Structures are given as C-alpha cells and as structure tokens.
C-alpha cells in the first residue's frame, strides 16, 4: 500500500476497537497523533522499511494492552518515545536506546523476545541493570546502526546470564572478540553473528556451549583468516552457516567435532 505523501491517514484513529495493525513494508514515513486513540491494540507492527527516518508521535505509552510491538529501524532524530508503561509486552522489536530510556525496560518483565538498537549514549552498566529484570527472555538481539561506534565494551561487560534465553544475536555490533564462555546464557541454542568484525577465532568459545543447535556467521562476522573446530566441540550442533567471510582462508574441522 502506498499512502499519499507517505502519511498514514489520521482517520486511522477512528478505529478505536482495532486489535491488530501491521504496517510491515508499507513505506509510511509519518504516523498521525490520532493513533493515541487505538488503546485496545494488542499487536502493532511499525516496521515500515523505507530506509529513512520515520516520524513517530509519542503516543505508544497509551496503548497499555499491547503484547507485540515492532518499531521502525530508523526513527527521526528528535523523537522521544515513552513506553515504560507497556508492562504487558511479550515481544518488543527494535527498541532504540537513542529514542527511549533504557530504564523503560525495567517493568517489562513479561518480555520473551527483545531486539535492541544500540546508540553511543547508552552505557553498558545501565543496559545490563535494565536487562537483568527480564528473566523470561527467550530471544535477545542487539543491533547497531552506527558504523563509527565501537561496541566492544557492551559485549565484554554485558550480563547475559538469562536462564531461559535460547536465541542470541549480535547484528552489526562491532567487537574484536566474542564474550567468554561463562558470559553466555547456560541453555543457549541459537547464536547469530552478522557484520561484527570479530578478529579472534570465535569457535574455541562457541564450541564449548553445549546446547548450541545452530550458529550463523554472516557478512564479515569474523575477519580472521583461520578458524578451527576442535575434537569434541559442538556436541548438539545441527546447523552451521558461514557466508561472506571474505578474509577466511583456512577452516579446520578436527575429527569428532
């Protein structure tokens, strides 16, 4: 659907009984303030995917029934979104530490899935303390849209000891090495590393995560030349995807790996 001028009509606010609204790939660049009337929404997908910042009014705080919320990857610079009262959320995608306070996450204890867009304004101490309350998390993804921002500190100090976490992704989050084995969730089953620029071979750490079933390395997640999977490593791995690792010259898989 294409809306005139990229603007979602303000008449959307008249649909006060609406429970489900998806603007996935709709190309909308402006959302109307009348959306504050949609107080019964359970599902709201604002992943409009237009490649430029979206104007989002600060009305989400009034949608207290929301269970699922997906925000645009790019939001207008001056936007402030207060969502700390959305305590019923179970899935929150592309939460931005630039446009919302990371402490908004403290009360969202029902969250099972969360993706965070990291900005240089957020310290790892604040991020860790806010995530620590989310004990029901099963899926956690980190994104960075700032090429110039070094995210090594986030990864090195982040507390990821979530007992229920099954899936972890670092997407365009820069780091020279992945966290140590003890920093990963104890029952992790899936890990995705995209465009991370890891310089040290990640396999000696990943292969010790006994419950891993799938590993994906994409788009220069690893920029080293040599990778080794040693004997006895990855006891449950069923899927391994390695793509666009341009520097990789040698991959050794020992017998029994």
Foldseek 3Di string as FASTA:
>chain_A
DEDVVLEDDLCVLVPLQDAEDALALVSRQEYDPSVLSNQNHQEYHAQNPNPEAHEDAQRQCNNQNYQYYEHYLHHDQVAAHQNLNNQNHQEYHAAEVRRYPLLSLQNNQNHAEYEYEYDPVDALVRNQVSCVSNLNHAYYEYHYPDLVDAQQRNQAPHQAQRQRHAEYEYALHEHQAGYALVRHHQQHAEYEFENHAHADAHQVRQQPNARHAEYEYYHQSYAYAEHEHDAPGHPRYDYYHYYNNVNHNYYYYYPRD
